[in-house]
Amino acid sequence: MATINKKIIINKLHQKVGLSKRVLKTLIDELLEEIKKTLELGEETKIVRFGNFIPYETKKRKGRNLKNKKEVEIKPFKKIVFRVAPQFKINLRNEKQ
């Protein structure tokens, strides 16, 4: 399984679009910063035909310390869930076949 990072994305976009790598890096950094800001405000971020980033806060719950078997309280914390867009999911399934 291949890993993709900003550098790889910038290089691929540079080859396809022809914009300078510096401009593409700035563009990608600004895009990611906007997504981060939206999620930090607790708002959903939807990218059409790709998916949704949905922030939510977990509830407090009981857990167990596996070392000493004592019950502990797990405090609420923030999570982000990514849900794939239906059309993207269909495209992924069709590519595997």
C-alpha atoms as a PDB file:
ATOM      1  CA  MET A   1       0.000   0.000   0.000  1.00  0.00           C
ATOM      2  CA  ALA A   2       1.469   3.350  -1.025  1.00  0.00           C
ATOM      3  CA  THR A   3       1.526   6.409   1.184  1.00  0.00           C
ATOM      4  CA  ILE A   4       0.825   9.823  -0.271  1.00  0.00           C
ATOM      5  CA  ASN A   5       2.013  13.086   1.223  1.00  0.00           C
ATOM      6  CA  LYS A   6       2.005  16.780   0.311  1.00  0.00           C
ATOM      7  CA  LYS A   7       5.270  16.537  -1.597  1.00  0.00           C
ATOM      8  CA  ILE A   8       3.926  13.761  -3.837  1.00  0.00           C
ATOM      9  CA  ILE A   9       0.677  15.663  -4.427  1.00  0.00           C
ATOM     10  CA  ILE A  10       2.606  18.832  -5.306  1.00  0.00           C
ATOM     11  CA  ASN A  11       4.818  16.940  -7.780  1.00  0.00           C
ATOM     12  CA  LYS A  12       1.840  15.248  -9.468  1.00  0.00           C
ATOM     13  CA  LEU A  13      -0.082  18.518  -9.752  1.00  0.00           C
ATOM     14  CA  HIS A  14       3.020  20.261 -11.079  1.00  0.00           C
ATOM     15  CA  GLN A  15       3.283  17.654 -13.855  1.00  0.00           C
ATOM     16  CA  LYS A  16      -0.443  17.760 -14.707  1.00  0.00           C
ATOM     17  CA  VAL A  17      -1.243  21.469 -14.338  1.00  0.00           C
ATOM     18  CA  GLY A  18       2.119  23.113 -14.829  1.00  0.00           C
ATOM     19  CA  LEU A  19       1.877  25.580 -11.934  1.00  0.00           C
ATOM     20  CA  SER A  20       5.028  26.214  -9.928  1.00  0.00           C
ATOM     21  CA  LYS A  21       5.664  23.968  -6.949  1.00  0.00           C
ATOM     22  CA  ARG A  22       5.794  27.003  -4.648  1.00  0.00           C
ATOM     23  CA  VAL A  23       2.301  28.117  -5.737  1.00  0.00           C
ATOM     24  CA  LEU A  24       0.939  24.582  -5.384  1.00  0.00           C
ATOM     25  CA  LYS A  25       2.453  24.211  -1.903  1.00  0.00           C
ATOM     26  CA  THR A  26       0.842  27.486  -0.819  1.00  0.00           C
ATOM     27  CA  LEU A  27      -2.490  26.417  -2.306  1.00  0.00           C
ATOM     28  CA  ILE A  28      -2.468  23.029  -0.571  1.00  0.00           C
ATOM     29  CA  ASP A  29      -1.344  24.538   2.751  1.00  0.00           C
ATOM     30  CA  GLU A  30      -4.174  27.097   2.612  1.00  0.00           C
ATOM     31  CA  LEU A  31      -6.729  24.414   1.718  1.00  0.00           C
ATOM     32  CA  LEU A  32      -5.671  22.218   4.630  1.00  0.00           C
ATOM     33  CA  GLU A  33      -5.612  25.220   6.978  1.00  0.00           C
ATOM     34  CA  GLU A  34      -9.212  26.097   6.040  1.00  0.00           C
ATOM     35  CA  ILE A  35     -10.316  22.513   6.674  1.00  0.00           C
ATOM     36  CA  LYS A  36      -8.539  22.554  10.067  1.00  0.00           C
ATOM     37  CA  LYS A  37     -10.141  25.872  11.068  1.00  0.00           C
ATOM     38  CA  THR A  38     -13.600  24.618  10.173  1.00  0.00           C
ATOM     39  CA  LEU A  39     -13.132  21.406  12.155  1.00  0.00           C
ATOM     40  CA  GLU A  40     -11.721  23.294  15.156  1.00  0.00           C
ATOM     41  CA  LEU A  41     -14.941  25.344  15.199  1.00  0.00           C
ATOM     42  CA  GLY A  42     -16.863  22.063  15.402  1.00  0.00           C
ATOM     43  CA  GLU A  43     -18.318  22.392  11.917  1.00  0.00           C
ATOM     44  CA  GLU A  44     -18.593  19.663   9.307  1.00  0.00           C
ATOM     45  CA  THR A  45     -16.386  19.957   6.228  1.00  0.00           C
ATOM     46  CA  LYS A  46     -17.871  18.553   3.041  1.00  0.00           C
ATOM     47  CA  ILE A  47     -15.842  18.044  -0.121  1.00  0.00           C
ATOM     48  CA  VAL A  48     -18.273  17.191  -2.904  1.00  0.00           C
ATOM     49  CA  ARG A  49     -17.722  13.773  -4.538  1.00  0.00           C
ATOM     50  CA  PHE A  50     -14.963  13.007  -2.008  1.00  0.00           C
ATOM     51  CA  GLY A  51     -16.400  12.892   1.504  1.00  0.00           C
ATOM     52  CA  ASN A  52     -17.220  14.613   4.790  1.00  0.00           C
ATOM     53  CA  PHE A  53     -15.042  15.331   7.799  1.00  0.00           C
ATOM     54  CA  ILE A  54     -17.374  15.282  10.803  1.00  0.00           C
ATOM     55  CA  PRO A  55     -16.177  16.443  14.234  1.00  0.00           C
ATOM     56  CA  TYR A  56     -17.883  15.195  17.375  1.00  0.00           C
ATOM     57  CA  GLU A  57     -17.200  14.870  21.058  1.00  0.00           C
ATOM     58  CA  THR A  58     -17.329  11.484  22.746  1.00  0.00           C
ATOM     59  CA  LYS A  59     -19.248  11.050  25.982  1.00  0.00           C
ATOM     60  CA  LYS A  60     -17.528  10.207  29.226  1.00  0.00           C
ATOM     61  CA  ARG A  61     -17.499   6.490  29.871  1.00  0.00           C
ATOM     62  CA  LYS A  62     -16.100   3.849  32.144  1.00  0.00           C
ATOM     63  CA  GLY A  63     -12.979   1.947  31.211  1.00  0.00           C
ATOM     64  CA  ARG A  64     -10.597  -0.446  32.905  1.00  0.00           C
ATOM     65  CA  ASN A  65      -6.887  -0.133  33.628  1.00  0.00           C
ATOM     66  CA  LEU A  66      -5.563  -3.442  32.300  1.00  0.00           C
ATOM     67  CA  LYS A  67      -2.523  -3.435  34.597  1.00  0.00           C
ATOM     68  CA  ASN A  68      -4.313  -3.181  37.935  1.00  0.00           C
ATOM     69  CA  LYS A  69      -7.878  -4.087  36.835  1.00  0.00           C
ATOM     70  CA  LYS A  70      -9.289  -0.910  38.421  1.00  0.00           C
ATOM     71  CA  GLU A  71     -12.188   0.911  36.836  1.00  0.00           C
ATOM     72  CA  VAL A  72     -11.378   4.399  35.537  1.00  0.00           C
ATOM     73  CA  GLU A  73     -13.404   7.193  33.992  1.00  0.00           C
ATOM     74  CA  ILE A  74     -12.493   8.096  30.423  1.00  0.00           C
ATOM     75  CA  LYS A  75     -13.094  11.806  29.928  1.00  0.00           C
ATOM     76  CA  PRO A  76     -14.906  13.141  26.857  1.00  0.00           C
ATOM     77  CA  PHE A  77     -12.660  14.091  23.945  1.00  0.00           C
ATOM     78  CA  LYS A  78     -13.002  15.382  20.400  1.00  0.00           C
ATOM     79  CA  LYS A  79     -12.823  13.068  17.389  1.00  0.00           C
ATOM     80  CA  ILE A  80     -13.071  13.507  13.650  1.00  0.00           C
ATOM     81  CA  VAL A  81     -14.784  10.943  11.444  1.00  0.00           C
ATOM     82  CA  PHE A  82     -14.377  10.776   7.666  1.00  0.00           C
ATOM     83  CA  ARG A  83     -17.332   9.499   5.662  1.00  0.00           C
ATOM     84  CA  VAL A  84     -16.696   8.694   2.015  1.00  0.00           C
ATOM     85  CA  ALA A  85     -19.090  10.278  -0.497  1.00  0.00           C
ATOM     86  CA  PRO A  86     -21.475   7.732  -2.064  1.00  0.00           C
ATOM     87  CA  GLN A  87     -20.267   8.333  -5.634  1.00  0.00           C
ATOM     88  CA  PHE A  88     -16.619   8.015  -4.592  1.00  0.00           C
ATOM     89  CA  LYS A  89     -17.420   4.767  -2.773  1.00  0.00           C
ATOM     90  CA  ILE A  90     -19.068   3.367  -5.910  1.00  0.00           C
ATOM     91  CA  ASN A  91     -16.050   4.371  -8.018  1.00  0.00           C
ATOM     92  CA  LEU A  92     -13.672   2.676  -5.568  1.00  0.00           C
ATOM     93  CA  ARG A  93     -15.662  -0.554  -5.624  1.00  0.00           C
ATOM     94  CA  ASN A  94     -15.817  -0.603  -9.422  1.00  0.00           C
ATOM     95  CA  GLU A  95     -12.044  -0.095  -9.724  1.00  0.00           C
ATOM     96  CA  LYS A  96     -11.328  -3.156  -7.568  1.00  0.00           C
ATOM     97  CA  GLN A  97     -13.267  -5.468  -9.869  1.00  0.00           C
END
